[in-house]
Structure formats: structure tokens, C-alpha cells
Amino acid sequence: LLTCKDIKPNGIKIGMLHSSQVIKSVLKALKKIKLSKIILDPVMVAKGGARLIDKSAIETLKTNLFKKTFLLTPNIPEAEVLTKTKIRTTKDKIHAAKILINLGAKNVLIKGGHSSSKYIEDVLLSKKEIKIFKNKRIKTKNTHGTGCTLSSAITTFFACGKTLNKSCEL
């Protein structure tokens, strides 16, 4: 936070926040920085399916941090937890993204890497438009951290002045 007085960031990417106390500390810092380009990757579910944050923290995310978020980037299991819905299709992703927008996020990118299809579809939704990014699945066992890397890359492009659509595309 001290560095922000000297060099103000152009964008902030937030990853896993494991407790309500940590989330409230982040909110306090964001209030001081006053920045709108905030990307939240709500890391909540481990690859094996284990929950990484408690229910209280999930509620704090939904009721407090979503409103500060310009882009929310959940994967399918995280979007299911946040919306209490099942996601099987592109239509389901759009429905879940609408729920997340109604909770306060300005834009939502539901990452499609957890689907079992040959092609991955990431769905970007705002109040005005829907954009679907479709790419062929890359066969690899090295998928740990790909969602975090994606949200970090989006934040970087967005902070450098690209539009949100272009940042997600790149």
C-alpha cells in the first residue's frame, strides 16, 4: 500500500482470499487506492475438488468484494459454488454469469477449462454483451495455475490500456 503513494498501479489482480478477515483487509486497502481496474479470480476450489475457503468468506466475497470488481474470472466449479447452479453448457455459463453480474460484478469471464469437450469456451458477459472465446484444448498434464495465469495476463493487458474484450482475447 505504501508503494501505491509513489507509483499508482494501473490494474490489480486479486487471487485466493481464504477468510473474511483477509477479504476485509483487501477491501480497506482498495478503498485507499481508489482504482477501478480490479480483476478478481475467486480461487475457491482445488483441482481435486476440495474447498479452499469457508462459507463465511464466500459470502463476504459476494456481498462486499464483487461490487468493487471490474472483472470476475471464476472457473466452472467456482461459478457453480458462487451461483448454486450446475454448469454443463454454454447457456449454463451465460446464466451463471448473469447471476454474478446481479451480485455486483461489472463483467464476468467464466473459464471453460473444466469442461470435458475438445474445445474450451470461455464466456465473457457484461450488462450489454456476451462474447465467447473458443479455442482448441491443449492436451497436457501441466494445467496447475492456468486460471491464475490467465487472470494475471488479462489484468496486464487491461492495465496497459487494451479494452476488456481485447485483454481477454489476447
N, C-alpha and C. Protein backbone atom coordinates (compact mmCIF):
# COMPACT_ATOMS: atom_id res chain seq x y z
N LEU A 1 0.82 -1.20 0.00
CA LEU A 1 0.00 0.00 0.00
C LEU A 1 0.86 1.26 0.00
N LEU A 2 2.00 1.22 0.69
CA LEU A 2 2.90 2.38 0.70
C LEU A 2 3.40 2.69 -0.70
N THR A 3 3.67 1.66 -1.48
CA THR A 3 4.16 1.84 -2.84
C THR A 3 3.14 2.57 -3.70
N CYS A 4 1.86 2.38 -3.43
CA CYS A 4 0.80 2.99 -4.23
C CYS A 4 0.83 4.51 -4.15
N LYS A 5 1.39 5.08 -3.09
CA LYS A 5 1.50 6.54 -2.99
C LYS A 5 2.56 7.06 -3.95
N ASP A 6 3.56 6.24 -4.20
CA ASP A 6 4.66 6.61 -5.08
C ASP A 6 4.34 6.26 -6.54
N ILE A 7 3.98 5.02 -6.77
CA ILE A 7 3.67 4.54 -8.11
C ILE A 7 2.29 3.87 -8.06
N LYS A 8 1.29 4.57 -8.58
CA LYS A 8 -0.07 4.03 -8.54
C LYS A 8 -0.22 2.93 -9.59
N PRO A 9 -0.76 1.78 -9.19
CA PRO A 9 -0.94 0.70 -10.17
C PRO A 9 -2.03 1.05 -11.18
N ASN A 10 -1.91 0.52 -12.39
CA ASN A 10 -2.93 0.71 -13.43
C ASN A 10 -3.98 -0.39 -13.39
N GLY A 11 -3.71 -1.45 -12.66
CA GLY A 11 -4.64 -2.56 -12.53
C GLY A 11 -4.22 -3.43 -11.36
N ILE A 12 -5.20 -4.11 -10.79
CA ILE A 12 -4.93 -5.01 -9.67
C ILE A 12 -5.61 -6.34 -9.93
N LYS A 13 -4.85 -7.42 -9.77
CA LYS A 13 -5.40 -8.77 -9.86
C LYS A 13 -5.40 -9.35 -8.46
N ILE A 14 -6.55 -9.85 -8.05
CA ILE A 14 -6.69 -10.45 -6.73
C ILE A 14 -6.94 -11.94 -6.93
N GLY A 15 -6.20 -12.76 -6.20
CA GLY A 15 -6.36 -14.21 -6.27
C GLY A 15 -7.07 -14.74 -5.04
N MET A 16 -6.60 -15.87 -4.53
CA MET A 16 -7.29 -16.54 -3.43
C MET A 16 -7.27 -15.71 -2.15
N LEU A 17 -8.44 -15.54 -1.58
CA LEU A 17 -8.61 -14.87 -0.30
C LEU A 17 -9.33 -15.86 0.61
N HIS A 18 -8.61 -16.44 1.55
CA HIS A 18 -9.13 -17.61 2.26
C HIS A 18 -10.08 -17.34 3.42
N SER A 19 -10.17 -16.07 3.87
CA SER A 19 -11.04 -15.80 5.02
C SER A 19 -11.70 -14.43 4.88
N SER A 20 -12.78 -14.23 5.63
CA SER A 20 -13.48 -12.94 5.64
C SER A 20 -12.55 -11.83 6.14
N GLN A 21 -11.71 -12.16 7.11
CA GLN A 21 -10.78 -11.17 7.66
C GLN A 21 -9.81 -10.67 6.58
N VAL A 22 -9.28 -11.57 5.79
CA VAL A 22 -8.36 -11.19 4.70
C VAL A 22 -9.11 -10.35 3.66
N ILE A 23 -10.31 -10.76 3.32
CA ILE A 23 -11.11 -10.03 2.32
C ILE A 23 -11.38 -8.60 2.81
N LYS A 24 -11.71 -8.46 4.09
CA LYS A 24 -11.97 -7.13 4.65
C LYS A 24 -10.70 -6.27 4.64
N SER A 25 -9.54 -6.87 4.85
CA SER A 25 -8.27 -6.13 4.77
C SER A 25 -8.02 -5.64 3.35
N VAL A 26 -8.31 -6.50 2.38
CA VAL A 26 -8.15 -6.13 0.97
C VAL A 26 -9.11 -4.98 0.62
N LEU A 27 -10.34 -5.07 1.09
CA LEU A 27 -11.32 -4.01 0.82
C LEU A 27 -10.86 -2.67 1.40
N LYS A 28 -10.29 -2.71 2.58
CA LYS A 28 -9.78 -1.49 3.23
C LYS A 28 -8.66 -0.87 2.38
N ALA A 29 -7.76 -1.71 1.87
CA ALA A 29 -6.66 -1.22 1.02
C ALA A 29 -7.20 -0.67 -0.30
N LEU A 30 -8.19 -1.36 -0.90
CA LEU A 30 -8.77 -0.90 -2.17
C LEU A 30 -9.44 0.46 -2.02
N LYS A 31 -10.03 0.69 -0.86
CA LYS A 31 -10.70 1.97 -0.59
C LYS A 31 -9.69 3.12 -0.64
N LYS A 32 -8.49 2.86 -0.16
CA LYS A 32 -7.44 3.88 -0.14
C LYS A 32 -6.84 4.11 -1.53
N ILE A 33 -6.76 3.05 -2.33
CA ILE A 33 -6.13 3.15 -3.65
C ILE A 33 -7.05 3.80 -4.67
N LYS A 34 -8.35 3.55 -4.57
CA LYS A 34 -9.34 4.11 -5.50
C LYS A 34 -9.00 3.80 -6.96
N LEU A 35 -9.05 2.54 -7.30
CA LEU A 35 -8.75 2.08 -8.65
C LEU A 35 -9.92 1.26 -9.17
N SER A 36 -10.28 1.44 -10.44
CA SER A 36 -11.43 0.71 -10.97
C SER A 36 -11.05 -0.58 -11.70
N LYS A 37 -9.82 -0.69 -12.15
CA LYS A 37 -9.41 -1.88 -12.91
C LYS A 37 -8.98 -2.99 -11.96
N ILE A 38 -9.99 -3.63 -11.36
CA ILE A 38 -9.74 -4.70 -10.40
C ILE A 38 -10.28 -6.00 -10.98
N ILE A 39 -9.38 -6.97 -11.11
CA ILE A 39 -9.73 -8.30 -11.62
C ILE A 39 -9.68 -9.26 -10.44
N LEU A 40 -10.78 -9.97 -10.21
CA LEU A 40 -10.85 -10.92 -9.10
C LEU A 40 -10.97 -12.33 -9.65
N ASP A 41 -9.97 -13.14 -9.35
CA ASP A 41 -10.01 -14.57 -9.67
C ASP A 41 -10.36 -15.27 -8.37
N PRO A 42 -11.63 -15.64 -8.19
CA PRO A 42 -12.08 -16.17 -6.90
C PRO A 42 -11.68 -17.63 -6.69
N VAL A 43 -10.41 -17.85 -6.43
CA VAL A 43 -9.90 -19.22 -6.24
C VAL A 43 -10.57 -19.80 -5.00
N MET A 44 -11.36 -20.84 -5.21
CA MET A 44 -12.13 -21.40 -4.09
C MET A 44 -12.09 -22.91 -4.04
N VAL A 45 -11.83 -23.53 -5.17
CA VAL A 45 -11.91 -24.98 -5.25
C VAL A 45 -10.60 -25.52 -5.82
N ALA A 46 -9.96 -26.44 -5.09
CA ALA A 46 -8.72 -27.05 -5.58
C ALA A 46 -9.05 -27.98 -6.75
N LYS A 47 -8.04 -28.26 -7.55
CA LYS A 47 -8.23 -29.11 -8.73
C LYS A 47 -8.90 -30.44 -8.36
N GLY A 48 -8.57 -30.97 -7.18
CA GLY A 48 -9.15 -32.23 -6.72
C GLY A 48 -10.56 -32.10 -6.19
N GLY A 49 -11.07 -30.86 -6.10
CA GLY A 49 -12.44 -30.64 -5.65
C GLY A 49 -12.57 -30.12 -4.23
N ALA A 50 -11.48 -30.04 -3.48
CA ALA A 50 -11.54 -29.57 -2.09
C ALA A 50 -11.77 -28.06 -2.05
N ARG A 51 -12.60 -27.63 -1.09
CA ARG A 51 -12.85 -26.20 -0.89
C ARG A 51 -11.64 -25.55 -0.23
N LEU A 52 -11.24 -24.39 -0.73
CA LEU A 52 -10.08 -23.69 -0.20
C LEU A 52 -10.46 -22.51 0.69
N ILE A 53 -11.73 -22.11 0.67
CA ILE A 53 -12.18 -21.04 1.56
C ILE A 53 -13.50 -21.46 2.21
N ASP A 54 -13.80 -20.87 3.36
CA ASP A 54 -15.01 -21.26 4.08
C ASP A 54 -16.24 -20.50 3.57
N LYS A 55 -17.42 -20.93 4.02
CA LYS A 55 -18.68 -20.33 3.56
C LYS A 55 -18.79 -18.86 3.92
N SER A 56 -18.28 -18.50 5.07
CA SER A 56 -18.32 -17.11 5.51
C SER A 56 -17.53 -16.22 4.54
N ALA A 57 -16.36 -16.70 4.13
CA ALA A 57 -15.52 -15.94 3.19
C ALA A 57 -16.22 -15.82 1.83
N ILE A 58 -16.89 -16.88 1.40
CA ILE A 58 -17.61 -16.85 0.12
C ILE A 58 -18.71 -15.77 0.18
N GLU A 59 -19.42 -15.70 1.30
CA GLU A 59 -20.47 -14.68 1.44
C GLU A 59 -19.88 -13.27 1.47
N THR A 60 -18.73 -13.11 2.12
CA THR A 60 -18.07 -11.80 2.16
C THR A 60 -17.62 -11.38 0.76
N LEU A 61 -17.12 -12.35 -0.01
CA LEU A 61 -16.76 -12.07 -1.41
C LEU A 61 -17.98 -11.54 -2.16
N LYS A 62 -19.07 -12.30 -2.06
CA LYS A 62 -20.28 -11.99 -2.82
C LYS A 62 -20.91 -10.67 -2.40
N THR A 63 -20.95 -10.39 -1.11
CA THR A 63 -21.66 -9.20 -0.65
C THR A 63 -20.81 -7.94 -0.63
N ASN A 64 -19.49 -8.08 -0.58
CA ASN A 64 -18.64 -6.90 -0.45
C ASN A 64 -17.66 -6.68 -1.60
N LEU A 65 -16.95 -7.73 -2.00
CA LEU A 65 -15.87 -7.54 -2.97
C LEU A 65 -16.36 -7.52 -4.42
N PHE A 66 -17.41 -8.25 -4.74
CA PHE A 66 -17.91 -8.27 -6.11
C PHE A 66 -18.23 -6.86 -6.62
N LYS A 67 -18.76 -6.01 -5.74
CA LYS A 67 -19.15 -4.64 -6.14
C LYS A 67 -17.94 -3.80 -6.56
N LYS A 68 -16.77 -4.16 -6.06
CA LYS A 68 -15.54 -3.43 -6.38
C LYS A 68 -14.84 -4.00 -7.61
N THR A 69 -15.35 -5.11 -8.11
CA THR A 69 -14.68 -5.87 -9.16
C THR A 69 -15.12 -5.46 -10.55
N PHE A 70 -14.15 -5.13 -11.39
CA PHE A 70 -14.47 -4.82 -12.78
C PHE A 70 -14.65 -6.11 -13.58
N LEU A 71 -13.81 -7.12 -13.28
CA LEU A 71 -13.93 -8.42 -13.95
C LEU A 71 -13.75 -9.53 -12.93
N LEU A 72 -14.69 -10.45 -12.93
CA LEU A 72 -14.65 -11.64 -12.08
C LEU A 72 -14.35 -12.82 -12.98
N THR A 73 -13.36 -13.67 -12.63
CA THR A 73 -12.93 -14.75 -13.52
C THR A 73 -13.01 -16.14 -12.87
N PRO A 74 -14.20 -16.60 -12.53
CA PRO A 74 -14.30 -17.94 -11.94
C PRO A 74 -14.18 -19.03 -12.99
N ASN A 75 -13.67 -20.19 -12.58
CA ASN A 75 -13.75 -21.35 -13.46
C ASN A 75 -15.14 -21.98 -13.22
N ILE A 76 -15.43 -23.06 -13.90
CA ILE A 76 -16.77 -23.65 -13.80
C ILE A 76 -17.10 -24.09 -12.37
N PRO A 77 -16.24 -24.86 -11.66
CA PRO A 77 -16.60 -25.24 -10.29
C PRO A 77 -16.80 -24.04 -9.36
N GLU A 78 -16.00 -23.00 -9.52
CA GLU A 78 -16.15 -21.80 -8.69
C GLU A 78 -17.46 -21.08 -9.01
N ALA A 79 -17.79 -20.97 -10.29
CA ALA A 79 -19.05 -20.33 -10.69
C ALA A 79 -20.24 -21.13 -10.15
N GLU A 80 -20.12 -22.45 -10.12
CA GLU A 80 -21.19 -23.28 -9.57
C GLU A 80 -21.38 -23.01 -8.08
N VAL A 81 -20.29 -22.91 -7.34
CA VAL A 81 -20.37 -22.63 -5.90
C VAL A 81 -20.98 -21.24 -5.68
N LEU A 82 -20.51 -20.26 -6.42
CA LEU A 82 -20.98 -18.88 -6.23
C LEU A 82 -22.45 -18.69 -6.60
N THR A 83 -22.92 -19.44 -7.59
CA THR A 83 -24.30 -19.25 -8.08
C THR A 83 -25.26 -20.34 -7.63
N LYS A 84 -24.71 -21.38 -7.02
CA LYS A 84 -25.52 -22.54 -6.59
C LYS A 84 -26.29 -23.13 -7.77
N THR A 85 -25.62 -23.19 -8.92
CA THR A 85 -26.21 -23.79 -10.13
C THR A 85 -25.23 -24.82 -10.70
N LYS A 86 -25.72 -25.66 -11.58
CA LYS A 86 -24.87 -26.62 -12.30
C LYS A 86 -24.57 -26.03 -13.67
N ILE A 87 -23.32 -26.19 -14.10
CA ILE A 87 -22.93 -25.66 -15.41
C ILE A 87 -22.46 -26.81 -16.29
N ARG A 88 -23.20 -27.05 -17.34
CA ARG A 88 -22.87 -28.11 -18.30
C ARG A 88 -22.69 -27.56 -19.72
N THR A 89 -23.38 -26.47 -20.02
CA THR A 89 -23.42 -25.95 -21.39
C THR A 89 -23.01 -24.48 -21.42
N THR A 90 -22.85 -23.96 -22.61
CA THR A 90 -22.57 -22.53 -22.78
C THR A 90 -23.72 -21.70 -22.23
N LYS A 91 -24.94 -22.16 -22.47
CA LYS A 91 -26.12 -21.47 -21.96
C LYS A 91 -26.08 -21.41 -20.42
N ASP A 92 -25.63 -22.48 -19.79
CA ASP A 92 -25.49 -22.51 -18.32
C ASP A 92 -24.45 -21.50 -17.85
N LYS A 93 -23.35 -21.36 -18.61
CA LYS A 93 -22.31 -20.38 -18.25
C LYS A 93 -22.88 -18.97 -18.32
N ILE A 94 -23.65 -18.69 -19.36
CA ILE A 94 -24.26 -17.37 -19.53
C ILE A 94 -25.22 -17.09 -18.37
N HIS A 95 -26.03 -18.08 -18.02
CA HIS A 95 -26.97 -17.93 -16.91
C HIS A 95 -26.22 -17.65 -15.60
N ALA A 96 -25.17 -18.41 -15.34
CA ALA A 96 -24.38 -18.21 -14.11
C ALA A 96 -23.72 -16.84 -14.10
N ALA A 97 -23.19 -16.41 -15.25
CA ALA A 97 -22.56 -15.10 -15.35
C ALA A 97 -23.56 -13.99 -15.06
N LYS A 98 -24.79 -14.15 -15.52
CA LYS A 98 -25.84 -13.15 -15.24
C LYS A 98 -26.11 -13.06 -13.74
N ILE A 99 -26.12 -14.20 -13.07
CA ILE A 99 -26.32 -14.21 -11.62
C ILE A 99 -25.19 -13.43 -10.94
N LEU A 100 -23.95 -13.66 -11.39
CA LEU A 100 -22.79 -12.99 -10.80
C LEU A 100 -22.81 -11.47 -11.06
N ILE A 101 -23.30 -11.08 -12.23
CA ILE A 101 -23.45 -9.65 -12.54
C ILE A 101 -24.49 -9.04 -11.59
N ASN A 102 -25.56 -9.78 -11.35
CA ASN A 102 -26.61 -9.30 -10.44
C ASN A 102 -26.11 -9.18 -9.00
N LEU A 103 -25.04 -9.91 -8.67
CA LEU A 103 -24.43 -9.82 -7.34
C LEU A 103 -23.46 -8.63 -7.24
N GLY A 104 -23.21 -7.96 -8.37
CA GLY A 104 -22.41 -6.75 -8.30
C GLY A 104 -21.20 -6.66 -9.20
N ALA A 105 -20.71 -7.79 -9.74
CA ALA A 105 -19.55 -7.73 -10.64
C ALA A 105 -19.97 -7.01 -11.92
N LYS A 106 -19.09 -6.16 -12.45
CA LYS A 106 -19.43 -5.42 -13.67
C LYS A 106 -19.32 -6.30 -14.91
N ASN A 107 -18.35 -7.21 -14.90
CA ASN A 107 -18.12 -8.13 -16.01
C ASN A 107 -17.71 -9.48 -15.43
N VAL A 108 -18.05 -10.55 -16.15
CA VAL A 108 -17.71 -11.90 -15.69
C VAL A 108 -17.15 -12.71 -16.85
N LEU A 109 -16.02 -13.36 -16.61
CA LEU A 109 -15.46 -14.30 -17.58
C LEU A 109 -15.47 -15.67 -16.91
N ILE A 110 -16.37 -16.54 -17.37
CA ILE A 110 -16.38 -17.90 -16.84
C ILE A 110 -15.46 -18.74 -17.71
N LYS A 111 -14.42 -19.25 -17.06
CA LYS A 111 -13.39 -20.01 -17.77
C LYS A 111 -13.87 -21.44 -17.98
N GLY A 112 -13.72 -21.92 -19.20
CA GLY A 112 -14.28 -23.21 -19.57
C GLY A 112 -13.34 -24.39 -19.51
N GLY A 113 -12.18 -24.25 -18.93
CA GLY A 113 -11.19 -25.32 -18.92
C GLY A 113 -11.60 -26.59 -18.20
N HIS A 114 -12.58 -26.51 -17.31
CA HIS A 114 -13.00 -27.69 -16.57
C HIS A 114 -14.01 -28.55 -17.32
N SER A 115 -14.44 -28.08 -18.47
CA SER A 115 -15.36 -28.91 -19.27
C SER A 115 -14.56 -30.05 -19.90
N SER A 116 -15.25 -31.03 -20.41
CA SER A 116 -14.54 -32.18 -20.98
C SER A 116 -14.54 -32.17 -22.51
N SER A 117 -14.96 -31.07 -23.09
CA SER A 117 -15.05 -31.01 -24.55
C SER A 117 -13.69 -30.80 -25.21
N LYS A 118 -13.67 -31.02 -26.52
CA LYS A 118 -12.46 -30.88 -27.33
C LYS A 118 -12.05 -29.41 -27.46
N TYR A 119 -13.06 -28.54 -27.38
CA TYR A 119 -12.84 -27.09 -27.45
C TYR A 119 -13.22 -26.46 -26.11
N ILE A 120 -12.47 -25.46 -25.74
CA ILE A 120 -12.74 -24.74 -24.50
C ILE A 120 -13.46 -23.45 -24.86
N GLU A 121 -14.55 -23.19 -24.16
CA GLU A 121 -15.29 -21.95 -24.37
C GLU A 121 -15.28 -21.14 -23.09
N ASP A 122 -14.65 -19.97 -23.18
CA ASP A 122 -14.69 -19.01 -22.09
C ASP A 122 -15.78 -18.01 -22.44
N VAL A 123 -16.66 -17.71 -21.49
CA VAL A 123 -17.78 -16.80 -21.75
C VAL A 123 -17.56 -15.49 -20.99
N LEU A 124 -17.50 -14.39 -21.74
CA LEU A 124 -17.37 -13.05 -21.15
C LEU A 124 -18.73 -12.37 -21.25
N LEU A 125 -19.23 -11.93 -20.11
CA LEU A 125 -20.54 -11.29 -20.08
C LEU A 125 -20.45 -9.96 -19.36
N SER A 126 -21.07 -8.95 -19.96
CA SER A 126 -21.26 -7.66 -19.30
C SER A 126 -22.77 -7.41 -19.32
N LYS A 127 -23.18 -6.27 -18.83
CA LYS A 127 -24.62 -5.95 -18.87
C LYS A 127 -25.10 -5.73 -20.29
N LYS A 128 -24.15 -5.45 -21.20
CA LYS A 128 -24.52 -5.11 -22.58
C LYS A 128 -24.27 -6.21 -23.60
N GLU A 129 -23.28 -7.07 -23.36
CA GLU A 129 -22.93 -8.04 -24.41
C GLU A 129 -22.40 -9.36 -23.87
N ILE A 130 -22.40 -10.34 -24.76
CA ILE A 130 -21.84 -11.66 -24.49
C ILE A 130 -20.79 -11.93 -25.55
N LYS A 131 -19.64 -12.35 -25.14
CA LYS A 131 -18.56 -12.72 -26.07
C LYS A 131 -18.08 -14.10 -25.68
N ILE A 132 -17.95 -14.99 -26.66
CA ILE A 132 -17.48 -16.34 -26.40
C ILE A 132 -16.13 -16.53 -27.08
N PHE A 133 -15.15 -16.93 -26.29
CA PHE A 133 -13.81 -17.22 -26.81
C PHE A 133 -13.69 -18.74 -26.89
N LYS A 134 -13.51 -19.24 -28.11
CA LYS A 134 -13.46 -20.69 -28.32
C LYS A 134 -12.07 -21.06 -28.82
N ASN A 135 -11.43 -21.99 -28.13
CA ASN A 135 -10.10 -22.45 -28.50
C ASN A 135 -10.00 -23.96 -28.35
N LYS A 136 -9.16 -24.55 -29.17
CA LYS A 136 -8.93 -25.98 -29.09
C LYS A 136 -8.19 -26.28 -27.78
N ARG A 137 -8.62 -27.34 -27.11
CA ARG A 137 -7.98 -27.75 -25.87
C ARG A 137 -6.56 -28.23 -26.15
N ILE A 138 -5.62 -27.81 -25.34
CA ILE A 138 -4.23 -28.26 -25.45
C ILE A 138 -4.08 -29.46 -24.52
N LYS A 139 -3.67 -30.59 -25.08
CA LYS A 139 -3.51 -31.80 -24.26
C LYS A 139 -2.21 -31.71 -23.48
N THR A 140 -2.34 -31.60 -22.17
CA THR A 140 -1.18 -31.53 -21.29
C THR A 140 -1.60 -31.89 -19.87
N LYS A 141 -0.67 -32.34 -19.09
CA LYS A 141 -0.92 -32.61 -17.67
C LYS A 141 -0.55 -31.37 -16.86
N ASN A 142 0.11 -30.41 -17.49
CA ASN A 142 0.60 -29.21 -16.80
C ASN A 142 -0.44 -28.10 -16.80
N THR A 143 -1.51 -28.29 -16.04
CA THR A 143 -2.58 -27.30 -16.03
C THR A 143 -2.66 -26.53 -14.71
N HIS A 144 -1.83 -26.87 -13.74
CA HIS A 144 -1.86 -26.18 -12.45
C HIS A 144 -1.54 -24.70 -12.64
N GLY A 145 -2.42 -23.83 -12.17
CA GLY A 145 -2.16 -22.40 -12.23
C GLY A 145 -2.56 -21.71 -13.52
N THR A 146 -3.18 -22.42 -14.44
CA THR A 146 -3.52 -21.79 -15.72
C THR A 146 -4.59 -20.70 -15.56
N GLY A 147 -5.53 -20.90 -14.66
CA GLY A 147 -6.56 -19.88 -14.43
C GLY A 147 -5.98 -18.62 -13.83
N CYS A 148 -5.05 -18.78 -12.89
CA CYS A 148 -4.38 -17.64 -12.26
C CYS A 148 -3.53 -16.90 -13.29
N THR A 149 -2.87 -17.66 -14.14
CA THR A 149 -2.05 -17.06 -15.19
C THR A 149 -2.93 -16.28 -16.16
N LEU A 150 -4.07 -16.83 -16.52
CA LEU A 150 -4.99 -16.16 -17.43
C LEU A 150 -5.47 -14.84 -16.83
N SER A 151 -5.93 -14.86 -15.60
CA SER A 151 -6.44 -13.61 -15.00
C SER A 151 -5.32 -12.58 -14.83
N SER A 152 -4.10 -13.03 -14.57
CA SER A 152 -2.96 -12.11 -14.48
C SER A 152 -2.64 -11.49 -15.84
N ALA A 153 -2.70 -12.30 -16.89
CA ALA A 153 -2.45 -11.79 -18.25
C ALA A 153 -3.52 -10.78 -18.65
N ILE A 154 -4.77 -11.08 -18.35
CA ILE A 154 -5.87 -10.15 -18.66
C ILE A 154 -5.63 -8.83 -17.94
N THR A 155 -5.27 -8.90 -16.66
CA THR A 155 -5.01 -7.69 -15.88
C THR A 155 -3.89 -6.87 -16.50
N THR A 156 -2.84 -7.54 -16.95
CA THR A 156 -1.70 -6.85 -17.56
C THR A 156 -2.12 -6.11 -18.82
N PHE A 157 -2.82 -6.79 -19.73
CA PHE A 157 -3.27 -6.14 -20.97
C PHE A 157 -4.23 -4.99 -20.66
N PHE A 158 -5.13 -5.21 -19.74
CA PHE A 158 -6.13 -4.21 -19.38
C PHE A 158 -5.46 -2.98 -18.75
N ALA A 159 -4.48 -3.21 -17.88
CA ALA A 159 -3.74 -2.12 -17.23
C ALA A 159 -2.92 -1.32 -18.24
N CYS A 160 -2.56 -1.97 -19.34
CA CYS A 160 -1.78 -1.28 -20.40
C CYS A 160 -2.66 -0.53 -21.38
N GLY A 161 -3.97 -0.52 -21.15
CA GLY A 161 -4.86 0.29 -21.98
C GLY A 161 -5.69 -0.46 -23.01
N LYS A 162 -5.54 -1.77 -23.10
CA LYS A 162 -6.38 -2.53 -24.03
C LYS A 162 -7.81 -2.57 -23.47
N THR A 163 -8.79 -2.77 -24.35
CA THR A 163 -10.17 -2.94 -23.89
C THR A 163 -10.28 -4.26 -23.15
N LEU A 164 -11.35 -4.41 -22.40
CA LEU A 164 -11.54 -5.67 -21.68
C LEU A 164 -11.69 -6.84 -22.65
N ASN A 165 -12.47 -6.66 -23.72
CA ASN A 165 -12.64 -7.73 -24.72
C ASN A 165 -11.29 -8.14 -25.31
N LYS A 166 -10.49 -7.14 -25.71
CA LYS A 166 -9.19 -7.43 -26.32
C LYS A 166 -8.26 -8.08 -25.30
N SER A 167 -8.30 -7.62 -24.06
CA SER A 167 -7.46 -8.19 -23.00
C SER A 167 -7.79 -9.67 -22.80
N CYS A 168 -9.06 -10.01 -22.80
CA CYS A 168 -9.47 -11.42 -22.64
C CYS A 168 -9.08 -12.24 -23.87
N GLU A 169 -9.24 -11.65 -25.04
CA GLU A 169 -8.87 -12.34 -26.28
C GLU A 169 -7.37 -12.64 -26.34
N LEU A 170 -6.56 -11.64 -26.00
CA LEU A 170 -5.11 -11.80 -26.05
C LEU A 170 -4.62 -12.79 -25.02
